[in-house]
Each structure stands twice: as structure tokens, then as C-alpha cells.
Amino acid sequence: MYLTKKNIKNAEILGAMMRCPFEETVSNCPFKIYHRLNNPVKQIEVFYSLPEEEVKSLQQFHRNCIRERCEKEKYSEDI
């Protein structure tokens, strides 16, 4: 179930659904609701139920957040 084409294509989203790479989420993080599930199987099930537009929206938010936080917190650009 884990190594599917959709999972591999969206690995960054699945990772963000499970936990924030910065340990603490920003106040407007849309991933908080998924973190509360605290169960990887349930998180993946929810991911599979999301429409493609929602996945793209989450992906854009995540990429922007990573970029902004790396700049703000002086992390390496090699992400």
C-alpha cells in the first residue's frame, strides 16, 4: 500500500501530513488536522480521499512554507 505511484509522486505531502519537518507548525498550517490523526495508516487513507486540487493546494502551501521558514530560520537552500 505504501509504495504506490501516487504515494511516490506526493511523498513530500505524505511526510508533511504525518509531521512538520520543523517540529512545530505555523498557525495557519492546513496539515494540523492530519497531524491530529496520529496514525500513518489513517493519514494515508485520508490522503487517498483528497481531490487532486486539494493535494496541489497542500503541496503549494508546503513548498512555500519550507522556503519561507528556511529563509527566516537560516536553513540551507539544499532542500
N, C-alpha and C. Protein backbone atom coordinates (compact mmCIF):
# COMPACT_ATOMS: atom_id res chain seq x y z
N MET A 1 0.82 -1.20 0.00
CA MET A 1 0.00 0.00 0.00
C MET A 1 0.86 1.27 0.00
N TYR A 2 2.06 1.20 0.58
CA TYR A 2 2.85 2.41 0.74
C TYR A 2 3.59 2.82 -0.53
N LEU A 3 4.08 1.87 -1.30
CA LEU A 3 4.83 2.20 -2.50
C LEU A 3 3.94 2.18 -3.73
N THR A 4 3.07 3.16 -3.79
CA THR A 4 2.22 3.31 -4.95
C THR A 4 2.69 4.53 -5.74
N LYS A 5 2.28 4.61 -6.98
CA LYS A 5 2.67 5.74 -7.83
C LYS A 5 2.24 7.07 -7.21
N LYS A 6 1.02 7.12 -6.67
CA LYS A 6 0.52 8.35 -6.06
C LYS A 6 1.34 8.71 -4.81
N ASN A 7 1.69 7.73 -4.00
CA ASN A 7 2.48 8.00 -2.80
C ASN A 7 3.87 8.51 -3.16
N ILE A 8 4.50 7.89 -4.13
CA ILE A 8 5.84 8.30 -4.52
C ILE A 8 5.80 9.71 -5.11
N LYS A 9 4.83 9.98 -5.95
CA LYS A 9 4.69 11.31 -6.57
C LYS A 9 4.47 12.39 -5.52
N ASN A 10 3.80 12.05 -4.45
CA ASN A 10 3.41 13.03 -3.42
C ASN A 10 4.08 12.75 -2.08
N ALA A 11 5.28 12.21 -2.11
CA ALA A 11 5.97 11.84 -0.87
C ALA A 11 6.13 13.03 0.07
N GLU A 12 6.39 14.21 -0.47
CA GLU A 12 6.57 15.37 0.41
C GLU A 12 5.27 15.72 1.13
N ILE A 13 4.14 15.51 0.48
CA ILE A 13 2.85 15.80 1.11
C ILE A 13 2.56 14.76 2.19
N LEU A 14 2.81 13.50 1.87
CA LEU A 14 2.58 12.45 2.88
C LEU A 14 3.44 12.68 4.11
N GLY A 15 4.68 13.06 3.89
CA GLY A 15 5.55 13.35 5.03
C GLY A 15 5.02 14.50 5.87
N ALA A 16 4.57 15.55 5.19
CA ALA A 16 4.03 16.72 5.89
C ALA A 16 2.71 16.39 6.60
N MET A 17 1.96 15.42 6.07
CA MET A 17 0.71 15.02 6.73
C MET A 17 1.00 14.30 8.04
N MET A 18 2.15 13.65 8.11
CA MET A 18 2.48 12.88 9.30
C MET A 18 3.10 13.73 10.39
N ARG A 19 3.94 14.69 10.00
CA ARG A 19 4.51 15.60 10.99
C ARG A 19 5.22 16.74 10.28
N CYS A 20 5.35 17.85 10.97
CA CYS A 20 6.01 19.03 10.43
C CYS A 20 7.53 18.80 10.45
N PRO A 21 8.22 19.07 9.35
CA PRO A 21 9.67 18.91 9.35
C PRO A 21 10.38 19.93 10.25
N PHE A 22 9.68 20.95 10.68
CA PHE A 22 10.24 21.96 11.58
C PHE A 22 9.81 21.75 13.02
N GLU A 23 9.24 20.59 13.31
CA GLU A 23 8.78 20.22 14.65
C GLU A 23 7.50 20.93 15.06
N GLU A 24 7.41 22.22 14.83
CA GLU A 24 6.21 22.98 15.21
C GLU A 24 5.62 23.64 13.97
N THR A 25 4.31 23.49 13.81
CA THR A 25 3.64 24.06 12.64
C THR A 25 3.39 25.55 12.82
N VAL A 26 3.21 26.22 11.69
CA VAL A 26 2.80 27.62 11.73
C VAL A 26 1.31 27.66 12.05
N SER A 27 0.83 28.81 12.48
CA SER A 27 -0.56 28.90 12.95
C SER A 27 -1.60 28.57 11.88
N ASN A 28 -1.29 28.86 10.62
CA ASN A 28 -2.27 28.63 9.55
C ASN A 28 -1.99 27.35 8.76
N CYS A 29 -1.26 26.43 9.35
CA CYS A 29 -0.89 25.20 8.65
C CYS A 29 -2.11 24.30 8.40
N PRO A 30 -2.37 23.96 7.13
CA PRO A 30 -3.51 23.10 6.83
C PRO A 30 -3.25 21.63 7.17
N PHE A 31 -2.03 21.30 7.53
CA PHE A 31 -1.69 19.91 7.85
C PHE A 31 -2.01 19.54 9.30
N LYS A 32 -2.31 20.53 10.14
CA LYS A 32 -2.59 20.26 11.55
C LYS A 32 -3.68 19.22 11.75
N ILE A 33 -4.70 19.28 10.94
CA ILE A 33 -5.80 18.32 11.10
C ILE A 33 -5.35 16.89 10.84
N TYR A 34 -4.37 16.73 9.96
CA TYR A 34 -3.85 15.39 9.67
C TYR A 34 -2.90 14.93 10.77
N HIS A 35 -2.14 15.85 11.34
CA HIS A 35 -1.23 15.50 12.43
C HIS A 35 -2.02 14.94 13.60
N ARG A 36 -3.19 15.50 13.84
CA ARG A 36 -4.01 15.07 14.99
C ARG A 36 -4.47 13.62 14.88
N LEU A 37 -4.50 13.09 13.66
CA LEU A 37 -4.88 11.69 13.49
C LEU A 37 -3.86 10.77 14.16
N ASN A 38 -2.60 11.19 14.14
CA ASN A 38 -1.52 10.48 14.81
C ASN A 38 -1.49 8.99 14.47
N ASN A 39 -1.79 8.69 13.21
CA ASN A 39 -1.80 7.30 12.76
C ASN A 39 -1.47 7.30 11.26
N PRO A 40 -0.29 6.79 10.88
CA PRO A 40 0.11 6.82 9.47
C PRO A 40 -0.88 6.15 8.52
N VAL A 41 -1.47 5.08 8.94
CA VAL A 41 -2.43 4.38 8.06
C VAL A 41 -3.64 5.28 7.80
N LYS A 42 -4.18 5.89 8.84
CA LYS A 42 -5.32 6.80 8.68
C LYS A 42 -4.94 8.02 7.86
N GLN A 43 -3.73 8.53 8.07
CA GLN A 43 -3.27 9.70 7.31
C GLN A 43 -3.19 9.38 5.82
N ILE A 44 -2.70 8.19 5.49
CA ILE A 44 -2.63 7.79 4.09
C ILE A 44 -4.02 7.58 3.52
N GLU A 45 -4.92 7.00 4.30
CA GLU A 45 -6.30 6.81 3.84
C GLU A 45 -6.96 8.16 3.54
N VAL A 46 -6.75 9.13 4.41
CA VAL A 46 -7.30 10.47 4.18
C VAL A 46 -6.68 11.07 2.93
N PHE A 47 -5.38 10.92 2.78
CA PHE A 47 -4.69 11.43 1.59
C PHE A 47 -5.34 10.89 0.32
N TYR A 48 -5.63 9.60 0.29
CA TYR A 48 -6.24 8.99 -0.88
C TYR A 48 -7.64 9.52 -1.16
N SER A 49 -8.29 10.05 -0.16
CA SER A 49 -9.65 10.56 -0.36
C SER A 49 -9.65 12.02 -0.83
N LEU A 50 -8.49 12.68 -0.80
CA LEU A 50 -8.44 14.10 -1.18
C LEU A 50 -8.53 14.28 -2.69
N PRO A 51 -9.29 15.28 -3.12
CA PRO A 51 -9.32 15.58 -4.55
C PRO A 51 -7.96 16.13 -4.99
N GLU A 52 -7.64 15.96 -6.24
CA GLU A 52 -6.35 16.40 -6.78
C GLU A 52 -6.10 17.89 -6.54
N GLU A 53 -7.14 18.71 -6.59
CA GLU A 53 -6.98 20.15 -6.35
C GLU A 53 -6.50 20.42 -4.93
N GLU A 54 -7.02 19.65 -3.99
CA GLU A 54 -6.62 19.80 -2.58
C GLU A 54 -5.16 19.37 -2.39
N VAL A 55 -4.77 18.29 -3.05
CA VAL A 55 -3.39 17.82 -2.97
C VAL A 55 -2.46 18.90 -3.51
N LYS A 56 -2.82 19.49 -4.63
CA LYS A 56 -1.99 20.55 -5.22
C LYS A 56 -1.92 21.77 -4.31
N SER A 57 -3.02 22.11 -3.68
CA SER A 57 -3.06 23.23 -2.76
C SER A 57 -2.15 22.96 -1.55
N LEU A 58 -2.23 21.77 -1.00
CA LEU A 58 -1.38 21.40 0.12
C LEU A 58 0.10 21.41 -0.29
N GLN A 59 0.36 20.92 -1.48
CA GLN A 59 1.74 20.90 -1.98
C GLN A 59 2.28 22.32 -2.11
N GLN A 60 1.50 23.22 -2.64
CA GLN A 60 1.93 24.61 -2.80
C GLN A 60 2.16 25.27 -1.44
N PHE A 61 1.24 25.05 -0.51
CA PHE A 61 1.41 25.61 0.83
C PHE A 61 2.70 25.08 1.45
N HIS A 62 2.91 23.78 1.37
CA HIS A 62 4.08 23.15 1.98
C HIS A 62 5.38 23.70 1.37
N ARG A 63 5.43 23.79 0.08
CA ARG A 63 6.65 24.29 -0.58
C ARG A 63 6.92 25.74 -0.20
N ASN A 64 5.88 26.56 -0.16
CA ASN A 64 6.05 27.96 0.23
C ASN A 64 6.50 28.07 1.70
N CYS A 65 5.90 27.25 2.54
CA CYS A 65 6.24 27.27 3.96
C CYS A 65 7.70 26.87 4.16
N ILE A 66 8.12 25.81 3.50
CA ILE A 66 9.51 25.36 3.61
C ILE A 66 10.45 26.47 3.17
N ARG A 67 10.15 27.08 2.04
CA ARG A 67 11.00 28.15 1.52
C ARG A 67 11.08 29.32 2.49
N GLU A 68 9.93 29.77 2.98
CA GLU A 68 9.89 30.91 3.89
C GLU A 68 10.59 30.61 5.21
N ARG A 69 10.36 29.43 5.74
CA ARG A 69 10.98 29.10 7.02
C ARG A 69 12.48 28.88 6.89
N CYS A 70 12.90 28.34 5.77
CA CYS A 70 14.34 28.18 5.54
C CYS A 70 15.01 29.54 5.47
N GLU A 71 14.38 30.46 4.80
CA GLU A 71 14.94 31.81 4.71
C GLU A 71 14.93 32.48 6.08
N LYS A 72 13.82 32.38 6.78
CA LYS A 72 13.68 33.02 8.08
C LYS A 72 14.61 32.41 9.13
N GLU A 73 14.69 31.10 9.13
CA GLU A 73 15.46 30.41 10.16
C GLU A 73 16.87 30.06 9.71
N LYS A 74 17.26 30.55 8.53
CA LYS A 74 18.62 30.40 8.00
C LYS A 74 19.05 28.95 7.80
N TYR A 75 18.11 28.13 7.28
CA TYR A 75 18.46 26.76 6.94
C TYR A 75 19.07 26.74 5.55
N SER A 76 19.72 25.67 5.23
CA SER A 76 20.38 25.53 3.93
C SER A 76 19.35 25.53 2.81
N GLU A 77 19.74 26.02 1.65
CA GLU A 77 18.89 26.02 0.47
C GLU A 77 18.91 24.67 -0.24
N ASP A 78 19.67 23.71 0.25
CA ASP A 78 19.81 22.41 -0.41
C ASP A 78 18.65 21.48 -0.11
N ILE A 79 17.48 21.99 0.07
CA ILE A 79 16.31 21.17 0.38
C ILE A 79 15.65 20.73 -0.90
